[in-house]
Amino acid sequence: MVEAPIEWSQETVTRCIADVVSARRAIRAFRPEPLRREDVEDILEAAATAPSGANTQPWRVYVVSGAIKDELANALVAASRAGTAP
């Protein structure tokens, strides 16, 4: 059975968008425990539906953890400090 779509007033939509935008935060400190694989997969699945300019979808995603992640993080920090970051 298909349900009829919910009709939202312009005021409700505007308030919802304003709430989402005002709740955004930049996070620069992270907890040490890794995310569960299922959570990462859910995030990537949601991100795959994000629009891109002219539908070019110019991204590639690599998920790393453990020693490989640490090595990559160290290399990126070193490149940034040396002024050679990509």
PDB file of N, CA and C in Angstrom:
ATOM      1  N   MET A   1       0.837  -1.167   0.000  1.00  0.00           N
ATOM      2  CA  MET A   1       0.000   0.000   0.000  1.00  0.00           C
ATOM      3  C   MET A   1       0.889   1.241   0.000  1.00  0.00           C
ATOM      4  N   VAL A   2       0.608   2.162  -0.871  1.00  0.00           N
ATOM      5  CA  VAL A   2       1.364   3.405  -0.972  1.00  0.00           C
ATOM      6  C   VAL A   2       0.585   4.495  -0.247  1.00  0.00           C
ATOM      7  N   GLU A   3       1.274   5.181   0.677  1.00  0.00           N
ATOM      8  CA  GLU A   3       0.627   6.257   1.415  1.00  0.00           C
ATOM      9  C   GLU A   3       0.781   7.574   0.671  1.00  0.00           C
ATOM     10  N   ALA A   4      -0.183   8.439   0.848  1.00  0.00           N
ATOM     11  CA  ALA A   4      -0.125   9.763   0.221  1.00  0.00           C
ATOM     12  C   ALA A   4       1.016  10.558   0.850  1.00  0.00           C
ATOM     13  N   PRO A   5       1.715  11.363   0.055  1.00  0.00           N
ATOM     14  CA  PRO A   5       2.796  12.162   0.613  1.00  0.00           C
ATOM     15  C   PRO A   5       2.270  13.179   1.627  1.00  0.00           C
ATOM     16  N   ILE A   6       3.094  13.489   2.611  1.00  0.00           N
ATOM     17  CA  ILE A   6       2.721  14.485   3.620  1.00  0.00           C
ATOM     18  C   ILE A   6       2.859  15.873   3.012  1.00  0.00           C
ATOM     19  N   GLU A   7       1.889  16.701   3.245  1.00  0.00           N
ATOM     20  CA  GLU A   7       1.931  18.088   2.767  1.00  0.00           C
ATOM     21  C   GLU A   7       2.491  18.955   3.885  1.00  0.00           C
ATOM     22  N   TRP A   8       3.603  19.639   3.618  1.00  0.00           N
ATOM     23  CA  TRP A   8       4.238  20.508   4.600  1.00  0.00           C
ATOM     24  C   TRP A   8       4.000  21.956   4.206  1.00  0.00           C
ATOM     25  N   SER A   9       3.698  22.788   5.189  1.00  0.00           N
ATOM     26  CA  SER A   9       3.532  24.217   4.910  1.00  0.00           C
ATOM     27  C   SER A   9       4.912  24.829   4.659  1.00  0.00           C
ATOM     28  N   GLN A  10       4.927  25.943   3.942  1.00  0.00           N
ATOM     29  CA  GLN A  10       6.188  26.635   3.676  1.00  0.00           C
ATOM     30  C   GLN A  10       6.848  27.052   4.987  1.00  0.00           C
ATOM     31  N   GLU A  11       6.043  27.459   5.951  1.00  0.00           N
ATOM     32  CA  GLU A  11       6.577  27.862   7.253  1.00  0.00           C
ATOM     33  C   GLU A  11       7.267  26.681   7.951  1.00  0.00           C
ATOM     34  N   THR A  12       6.659  25.503   7.892  1.00  0.00           N
ATOM     35  CA  THR A  12       7.247  24.318   8.515  1.00  0.00           C
ATOM     36  C   THR A  12       8.558  23.949   7.840  1.00  0.00           C
ATOM     37  N   VAL A  13       8.602  23.978   6.526  1.00  0.00           N
ATOM     38  CA  VAL A  13       9.823  23.661   5.785  1.00  0.00           C
ATOM     39  C   VAL A  13      10.919  24.657   6.119  1.00  0.00           C
ATOM     40  N   THR A  14      10.581  25.943   6.135  1.00  0.00           N
ATOM     41  CA  THR A  14      11.556  26.987   6.441  1.00  0.00           C
ATOM     42  C   THR A  14      12.117  26.797   7.840  1.00  0.00           C
ATOM     43  N   ARG A  15      11.252  26.539   8.808  1.00  0.00           N
ATOM     44  CA  ARG A  15      11.691  26.338  10.192  1.00  0.00           C
ATOM     45  C   ARG A  15      12.581  25.103  10.304  1.00  0.00           C
ATOM     46  N   CYS A  16      12.251  24.042   9.620  1.00  0.00           N
ATOM     47  CA  CYS A  16      13.037  22.814   9.645  1.00  0.00           C
ATOM     48  C   CYS A  16      14.442  23.059   9.088  1.00  0.00           C
ATOM     49  N   ILE A  17      14.516  23.723   7.949  1.00  0.00           N
ATOM     50  CA  ILE A  17      15.812  24.026   7.336  1.00  0.00           C
ATOM     51  C   ILE A  17      16.629  24.941   8.241  1.00  0.00           C
ATOM     52  N   ALA A  18      16.003  25.946   8.813  1.00  0.00           N
ATOM     53  CA  ALA A  18      16.696  26.859   9.722  1.00  0.00           C
ATOM     54  C   ALA A  18      17.239  26.102  10.937  1.00  0.00           C
ATOM     55  N   ASP A  19      16.456  25.168  11.464  1.00  0.00           N
ATOM     56  CA  ASP A  19      16.909  24.371  12.612  1.00  0.00           C
ATOM     57  C   ASP A  19      18.128  23.526  12.253  1.00  0.00           C
ATOM     58  N   VAL A  20      18.094  22.904  11.088  1.00  0.00           N
ATOM     59  CA  VAL A  20      19.216  22.067  10.656  1.00  0.00           C
ATOM     60  C   VAL A  20      20.470  22.907  10.451  1.00  0.00           C
ATOM     61  N   VAL A  21      20.326  24.031   9.769  1.00  0.00           N
ATOM     62  CA  VAL A  21      21.483  24.892   9.499  1.00  0.00           C
ATOM     63  C   VAL A  21      22.061  25.440  10.796  1.00  0.00           C
ATOM     64  N   SER A  22      21.216  25.885  11.714  1.00  0.00           N
ATOM     65  CA  SER A  22      21.729  26.466  12.959  1.00  0.00           C
ATOM     66  C   SER A  22      22.315  25.415  13.895  1.00  0.00           C
ATOM     67  N   ALA A  23      21.989  24.152  13.700  1.00  0.00           N
ATOM     68  CA  ALA A  23      22.516  23.091  14.559  1.00  0.00           C
ATOM     69  C   ALA A  23      23.862  22.540  14.069  1.00  0.00           C
ATOM     70  N   ARG A  24      24.307  22.990  12.891  1.00  0.00           N
ATOM     71  CA  ARG A  24      25.588  22.504  12.362  1.00  0.00           C
ATOM     72  C   ARG A  24      26.724  22.888  13.284  1.00  0.00           C
ATOM     73  N   ARG A  25      27.712  22.029  13.375  1.00  0.00           N
ATOM     74  CA  ARG A  25      28.884  22.286  14.191  1.00  0.00           C
ATOM     75  C   ARG A  25      30.120  21.765  13.472  1.00  0.00           C
ATOM     76  N   ALA A  26      31.233  22.446  13.659  1.00  0.00           N
ATOM     77  CA  ALA A  26      32.519  21.968  13.169  1.00  0.00           C
ATOM     78  C   ALA A  26      33.181  21.209  14.312  1.00  0.00           C
ATOM     79  N   ILE A  27      33.524  19.968  14.074  1.00  0.00           N
ATOM     80  CA  ILE A  27      34.129  19.135  15.105  1.00  0.00           C
ATOM     81  C   ILE A  27      35.604  18.949  14.773  1.00  0.00           C
ATOM     82  N   ARG A  28      36.460  19.308  15.727  1.00  0.00           N
ATOM     83  CA  ARG A  28      37.894  19.198  15.492  1.00  0.00           C
ATOM     84  C   ARG A  28      38.575  18.300  16.515  1.00  0.00           C
ATOM     85  N   ALA A  29      37.811  17.673  17.349  1.00  0.00           N
ATOM     86  CA  ALA A  29      38.357  16.719  18.322  1.00  0.00           C
ATOM     87  C   ALA A  29      37.489  15.467  18.235  1.00  0.00           C
ATOM     88  N   PHE A  30      38.126  14.345  18.249  1.00  0.00           N
ATOM     89  CA  PHE A  30      37.402  13.097  18.023  1.00  0.00           C
ATOM     90  C   PHE A  30      37.706  12.093  19.122  1.00  0.00           C
ATOM     91  N   ARG A  31      36.786  11.241  19.383  1.00  0.00           N
ATOM     92  CA  ARG A  31      36.977  10.184  20.368  1.00  0.00           C
ATOM     93  C   ARG A  31      37.913   9.128  19.784  1.00  0.00           C
ATOM     94  N   PRO A  32      38.655   8.436  20.619  1.00  0.00           N
ATOM     95  CA  PRO A  32      39.648   7.482  20.118  1.00  0.00           C
ATOM     96  C   PRO A  32      39.072   6.174  19.566  1.00  0.00           C
ATOM     97  N   GLU A  33      37.855   5.806  19.968  1.00  0.00           N
ATOM     98  CA  GLU A  33      37.330   4.521  19.506  1.00  0.00           C
ATOM     99  C   GLU A  33      36.810   4.644  18.069  1.00  0.00           C
ATOM    100  N   PRO A  34      37.059   3.619  17.264  1.00  0.00           N
ATOM    101  CA  PRO A  34      36.642   3.670  15.855  1.00  0.00           C
ATOM    102  C   PRO A  34      35.127   3.533  15.713  1.00  0.00           C
ATOM    103  N   LEU A  35      34.625   4.019  14.584  1.00  0.00           N
ATOM    104  CA  LEU A  35      33.215   3.815  14.246  1.00  0.00           C
ATOM    105  C   LEU A  35      32.990   2.359  13.869  1.00  0.00           C
ATOM    106  N   ARG A  36      31.784   1.903  14.112  1.00  0.00           N
ATOM    107  CA  ARG A  36      31.434   0.554  13.668  1.00  0.00           C
ATOM    108  C   ARG A  36      31.361   0.550  12.142  1.00  0.00           C
ATOM    109  N   ARG A  37      31.752  -0.546  11.537  1.00  0.00           N
ATOM    110  CA  ARG A  37      31.715  -0.657  10.071  1.00  0.00           C
ATOM    111  C   ARG A  37      30.319  -0.356   9.528  1.00  0.00           C
ATOM    112  N   GLU A  38      29.279  -0.837  10.220  1.00  0.00           N
ATOM    113  CA  GLU A  38      27.903  -0.611   9.779  1.00  0.00           C
ATOM    114  C   GLU A  38      27.582   0.887   9.751  1.00  0.00           C
ATOM    115  N   ASP A  39      28.097   1.636  10.729  1.00  0.00           N
ATOM    116  CA  ASP A  39      27.853   3.078  10.752  1.00  0.00           C
ATOM    117  C   ASP A  39      28.536   3.765   9.573  1.00  0.00           C
ATOM    118  N   VAL A  40      29.767   3.351   9.276  1.00  0.00           N
ATOM    119  CA  VAL A  40      30.496   3.922   8.137  1.00  0.00           C
ATOM    120  C   VAL A  40      29.739   3.628   6.841  1.00  0.00           C
ATOM    121  N   GLU A  41      29.269   2.403   6.694  1.00  0.00           N
ATOM    122  CA  GLU A  41      28.522   2.040   5.489  1.00  0.00           C
ATOM    123  C   GLU A  41      27.236   2.852   5.368  1.00  0.00           C
ATOM    124  N   ASP A  42      26.533   3.076   6.489  1.00  0.00           N
ATOM    125  CA  ASP A  42      25.309   3.887   6.465  1.00  0.00           C
ATOM    126  C   ASP A  42      25.618   5.330   6.050  1.00  0.00           C
ATOM    127  N   ILE A  43      26.709   5.884   6.593  1.00  0.00           N
ATOM    128  CA  ILE A  43      27.096   7.253   6.251  1.00  0.00           C
ATOM    129  C   ILE A  43      27.414   7.354   4.764  1.00  0.00           C
ATOM    130  N   LEU A  44      28.184   6.397   4.246  1.00  0.00           N
ATOM    131  CA  LEU A  44      28.551   6.428   2.831  1.00  0.00           C
ATOM    132  C   LEU A  44      27.337   6.234   1.925  1.00  0.00           C
ATOM    133  N   GLU A  45      26.409   5.406   2.351  1.00  0.00           N
ATOM    134  CA  GLU A  45      25.191   5.200   1.564  1.00  0.00           C
ATOM    135  C   GLU A  45      24.381   6.495   1.497  1.00  0.00           C
ATOM    136  N   ALA A  46      24.274   7.204   2.616  1.00  0.00           N
ATOM    137  CA  ALA A  46      23.559   8.482   2.625  1.00  0.00           C
ATOM    138  C   ALA A  46      24.307   9.512   1.780  1.00  0.00           C
ATOM    139  N   ALA A  47      25.627   9.551   1.881  1.00  0.00           N
ATOM    140  CA  ALA A  47      26.426  10.528   1.137  1.00  0.00           C
ATOM    141  C   ALA A  47      26.330  10.292  -0.368  1.00  0.00           C
ATOM    142  N   ALA A  48      26.131   9.060  -0.772  1.00  0.00           N
ATOM    143  CA  ALA A  48      26.052   8.748  -2.199  1.00  0.00           C
ATOM    144  C   ALA A  48      24.861   9.418  -2.870  1.00  0.00           C
ATOM    145  N   THR A  49      23.879   9.832  -2.087  1.00  0.00           N
ATOM    146  CA  THR A  49      22.705  10.494  -2.664  1.00  0.00           C
ATOM    147  C   THR A  49      22.866  12.010  -2.727  1.00  0.00           C
ATOM    148  N   ALA A  50      23.996  12.538  -2.226  1.00  0.00           N
ATOM    149  CA  ALA A  50      24.206  13.994  -2.240  1.00  0.00           C
ATOM    150  C   ALA A  50      24.392  14.476  -3.674  1.00  0.00           C
ATOM    151  N   PRO A  51      23.843  15.637  -3.980  1.00  0.00           N
ATOM    152  CA  PRO A  51      23.988  16.165  -5.336  1.00  0.00           C
ATOM    153  C   PRO A  51      25.411  16.644  -5.600  1.00  0.00           C
ATOM    154  N   SER A  52      25.795  16.646  -6.868  1.00  0.00           N
ATOM    155  CA  SER A  52      27.076  17.227  -7.273  1.00  0.00           C
ATOM    156  C   SER A  52      26.810  18.109  -8.488  1.00  0.00           C
ATOM    157  N   GLY A  53      27.692  19.074  -8.705  1.00  0.00           N
ATOM    158  CA  GLY A  53      27.515  19.994  -9.826  1.00  0.00           C
ATOM    159  C   GLY A  53      27.432  19.239 -11.138  1.00  0.00           C
ATOM    160  N   ALA A  54      26.390  19.465 -11.893  1.00  0.00           N
ATOM    161  CA  ALA A  54      26.165  18.825 -13.194  1.00  0.00           C
ATOM    162  C   ALA A  54      26.194  17.307 -13.100  1.00  0.00           C
ATOM    163  N   ASN A  55      25.883  16.791 -11.909  1.00  0.00           N
ATOM    164  CA  ASN A  55      25.862  15.343 -11.666  1.00  0.00           C
ATOM    165  C   ASN A  55      27.185  14.674 -12.042  1.00  0.00           C
ATOM    166  N   THR A  56      28.307  15.370 -11.814  1.00  0.00           N
ATOM    167  CA  THR A  56      29.615  14.810 -12.165  1.00  0.00           C
ATOM    168  C   THR A  56      30.090  13.757 -11.179  1.00  0.00           C
ATOM    169  N   GLN A  57      29.601  13.801  -9.952  1.00  0.00           N
ATOM    170  CA  GLN A  57      29.977  12.849  -8.902  1.00  0.00           C
ATOM    171  C   GLN A  57      31.491  12.639  -8.864  1.00  0.00           C
ATOM    172  N   PRO A  58      32.247  13.706  -8.547  1.00  0.00           N
ATOM    173  CA  PRO A  58      33.699  13.670  -8.662  1.00  0.00           C
ATOM    174  C   PRO A  58      34.437  13.055  -7.474  1.00  0.00           C
ATOM    175  N   TRP A  59      33.794  12.255  -6.675  1.00  0.00           N
ATOM    176  CA  TRP A  59      34.458  11.761  -5.472  1.00  0.00           C
ATOM    177  C   TRP A  59      34.835  10.290  -5.580  1.00  0.00           C
ATOM    178  N   ARG A  60      35.835   9.951  -4.816  1.00  0.00           N
ATOM    179  CA  ARG A  60      36.224   8.554  -4.575  1.00  0.00           C
ATOM    180  C   ARG A  60      36.400   8.431  -3.080  1.00  0.00           C
ATOM    181  N   VAL A  61      35.957   7.371  -2.499  1.00  0.00           N
ATOM    182  CA  VAL A  61      36.031   7.198  -1.059  1.00  0.00           C
ATOM    183  C   VAL A  61      36.898   5.986  -0.749  1.00  0.00           C
ATOM    184  N   TYR A  62      37.836   6.199   0.157  1.00  0.00           N
ATOM    185  CA  TYR A  62      38.684   5.131   0.656  1.00  0.00           C
ATOM    186  C   TYR A  62      38.521   5.104   2.167  1.00  0.00           C
ATOM    187  N   VAL A  63      38.212   3.972   2.711  1.00  0.00           N
ATOM    188  CA  VAL A  63      38.050   3.840   4.155  1.00  0.00           C
ATOM    189  C   VAL A  63      39.241   3.043   4.667  1.00  0.00           C
ATOM    190  N   VAL A  64      39.983   3.662   5.585  1.00  0.00           N
ATOM    191  CA  VAL A  64      41.159   2.993   6.156  1.00  0.00           C
ATOM    192  C   VAL A  64      41.064   3.037   7.668  1.00  0.00           C
ATOM    193  N   SER A  65      41.767   2.124   8.313  1.00  0.00           N
ATOM    194  CA  SER A  65      41.793   2.099   9.772  1.00  0.00           C
ATOM    195  C   SER A  65      43.114   1.498  10.221  1.00  0.00           C
ATOM    196  N   GLY A  66      43.327   1.526  11.506  1.00  0.00           N
ATOM    197  CA  GLY A  66      44.511   0.905  12.077  1.00  0.00           C
ATOM    198  C   GLY A  66      45.811   1.560  11.641  1.00  0.00           C
ATOM    199  N   ALA A  67      46.827   0.739  11.414  1.00  0.00           N
ATOM    200  CA  ALA A  67      48.165   1.224  11.087  1.00  0.00           C
ATOM    201  C   ALA A  67      48.182   2.016   9.775  1.00  0.00           C
ATOM    202  N   ILE A  68      47.392   1.596   8.799  1.00  0.00           N
ATOM    203  CA  ILE A  68      47.354   2.316   7.516  1.00  0.00           C
ATOM    204  C   ILE A  68      46.804   3.724   7.721  1.00  0.00           C
ATOM    205  N   LYS A  69      45.749   3.854   8.526  1.00  0.00           N
ATOM    206  CA  LYS A  69      45.187   5.174   8.818  1.00  0.00           C
ATOM    207  C   LYS A  69      46.217   6.040   9.532  1.00  0.00           C
ATOM    208  N   ASP A  70      46.900   5.472  10.510  1.00  0.00           N
ATOM    209  CA  ASP A  70      47.911   6.230  11.257  1.00  0.00           C
ATOM    210  C   ASP A  70      49.037   6.702  10.342  1.00  0.00           C
ATOM    211  N   GLU A  71      49.497   5.825   9.454  1.00  0.00           N
ATOM    212  CA  GLU A  71      50.556   6.186   8.508  1.00  0.00           C
ATOM    213  C   GLU A  71      50.097   7.314   7.579  1.00  0.00           C
ATOM    214  N   LEU A  72      48.892   7.207   7.067  1.00  0.00           N
ATOM    215  CA  LEU A  72      48.345   8.243   6.189  1.00  0.00           C
ATOM    216  C   LEU A  72      48.195   9.565   6.939  1.00  0.00           C
ATOM    217  N   ALA A  73      47.673   9.523   8.161  1.00  0.00           N
ATOM    218  CA  ALA A  73      47.501  10.733   8.959  1.00  0.00           C
ATOM    219  C   ALA A  73      48.847  11.401   9.219  1.00  0.00           C
ATOM    220  N   ASN A  74      49.846  10.613   9.582  1.00  0.00           N
ATOM    221  CA  ASN A  74      51.173  11.169   9.837  1.00  0.00           C
ATOM    222  C   ASN A  74      51.761  11.803   8.581  1.00  0.00           C
ATOM    223  N   ALA A  75      51.577  11.165   7.440  1.00  0.00           N
ATOM    224  CA  ALA A  75      52.099  11.713   6.182  1.00  0.00           C
ATOM    225  C   ALA A  75      51.400  13.018   5.820  1.00  0.00           C
ATOM    226  N   LEU A  76      50.091  13.103   6.046  1.00  0.00           N
ATOM    227  CA  LEU A  76      49.355  14.330   5.749  1.00  0.00           C
ATOM    228  C   LEU A  76      49.768  15.476   6.679  1.00  0.00           C
ATOM    229  N   VAL A  77      49.964  15.171   7.950  1.00  0.00           N
ATOM    230  CA  VAL A  77      50.423  16.202   8.888  1.00  0.00           C
ATOM    231  C   VAL A  77      51.803  16.689   8.489  1.00  0.00           C
ATOM    232  N   ALA A  78      52.697  15.765   8.168  1.00  0.00           N
ATOM    233  CA  ALA A  78      54.059  16.147   7.768  1.00  0.00           C
ATOM    234  C   ALA A  78      54.035  17.002   6.501  1.00  0.00           C
ATOM    235  N   ALA A  79      53.207  16.634   5.532  1.00  0.00           N
ATOM    236  CA  ALA A  79      53.126  17.408   4.292  1.00  0.00           C
ATOM    237  C   ALA A  79      52.564  18.793   4.565  1.00  0.00           C
ATOM    238  N   SER A  80      51.579  18.880   5.446  1.00  0.00           N
ATOM    239  CA  SER A  80      50.997  20.186   5.791  1.00  0.00           C
ATOM    240  C   SER A  80      52.034  21.074   6.455  1.00  0.00           C
ATOM    241  N   ARG A  81      52.772  20.506   7.387  1.00  0.00           N
ATOM    242  CA  ARG A  81      53.795  21.293   8.088  1.00  0.00           C
ATOM    243  C   ARG A  81      54.922  21.724   7.142  1.00  0.00           C
ATOM    244  N   ALA A  82      55.209  20.913   6.144  1.00  0.00           N
ATOM    245  CA  ALA A  82      56.261  21.234   5.183  1.00  0.00           C
ATOM    246  C   ALA A  82      55.757  22.152   4.067  1.00  0.00           C
ATOM    247  N   GLY A  83      54.452  22.413   4.051  1.00  0.00           N
ATOM    248  CA  GLY A  83      53.881  23.265   3.010  1.00  0.00           C
ATOM    249  C   GLY A  83      53.737  22.566   1.678  1.00  0.00           C
ATOM    250  N   THR A  84      53.713  21.244   1.698  1.00  0.00           N
ATOM    251  CA  THR A  84      53.598  20.474   0.446  1.00  0.00           C
ATOM    252  C   THR A  84      52.308  19.644   0.396  1.00  0.00           C
ATOM    253  N   ALA A  85      51.348  19.996   1.240  1.00  0.00           N
ATOM    254  CA  ALA A  85      50.096  19.229   1.269  1.00  0.00           C
ATOM    255  C   ALA A  85      49.390  19.322  -0.086  1.00  0.00           C
ATOM    256  N   PRO A  86      48.796  18.218  -0.530  1.00  0.00           N
ATOM    257  CA  PRO A  86      48.093  18.236  -1.832  1.00  0.00           C
ATOM    258  C   PRO A  86      46.880  19.128  -1.807  1.00  0.00           C
TER     259      PRO A  86
END
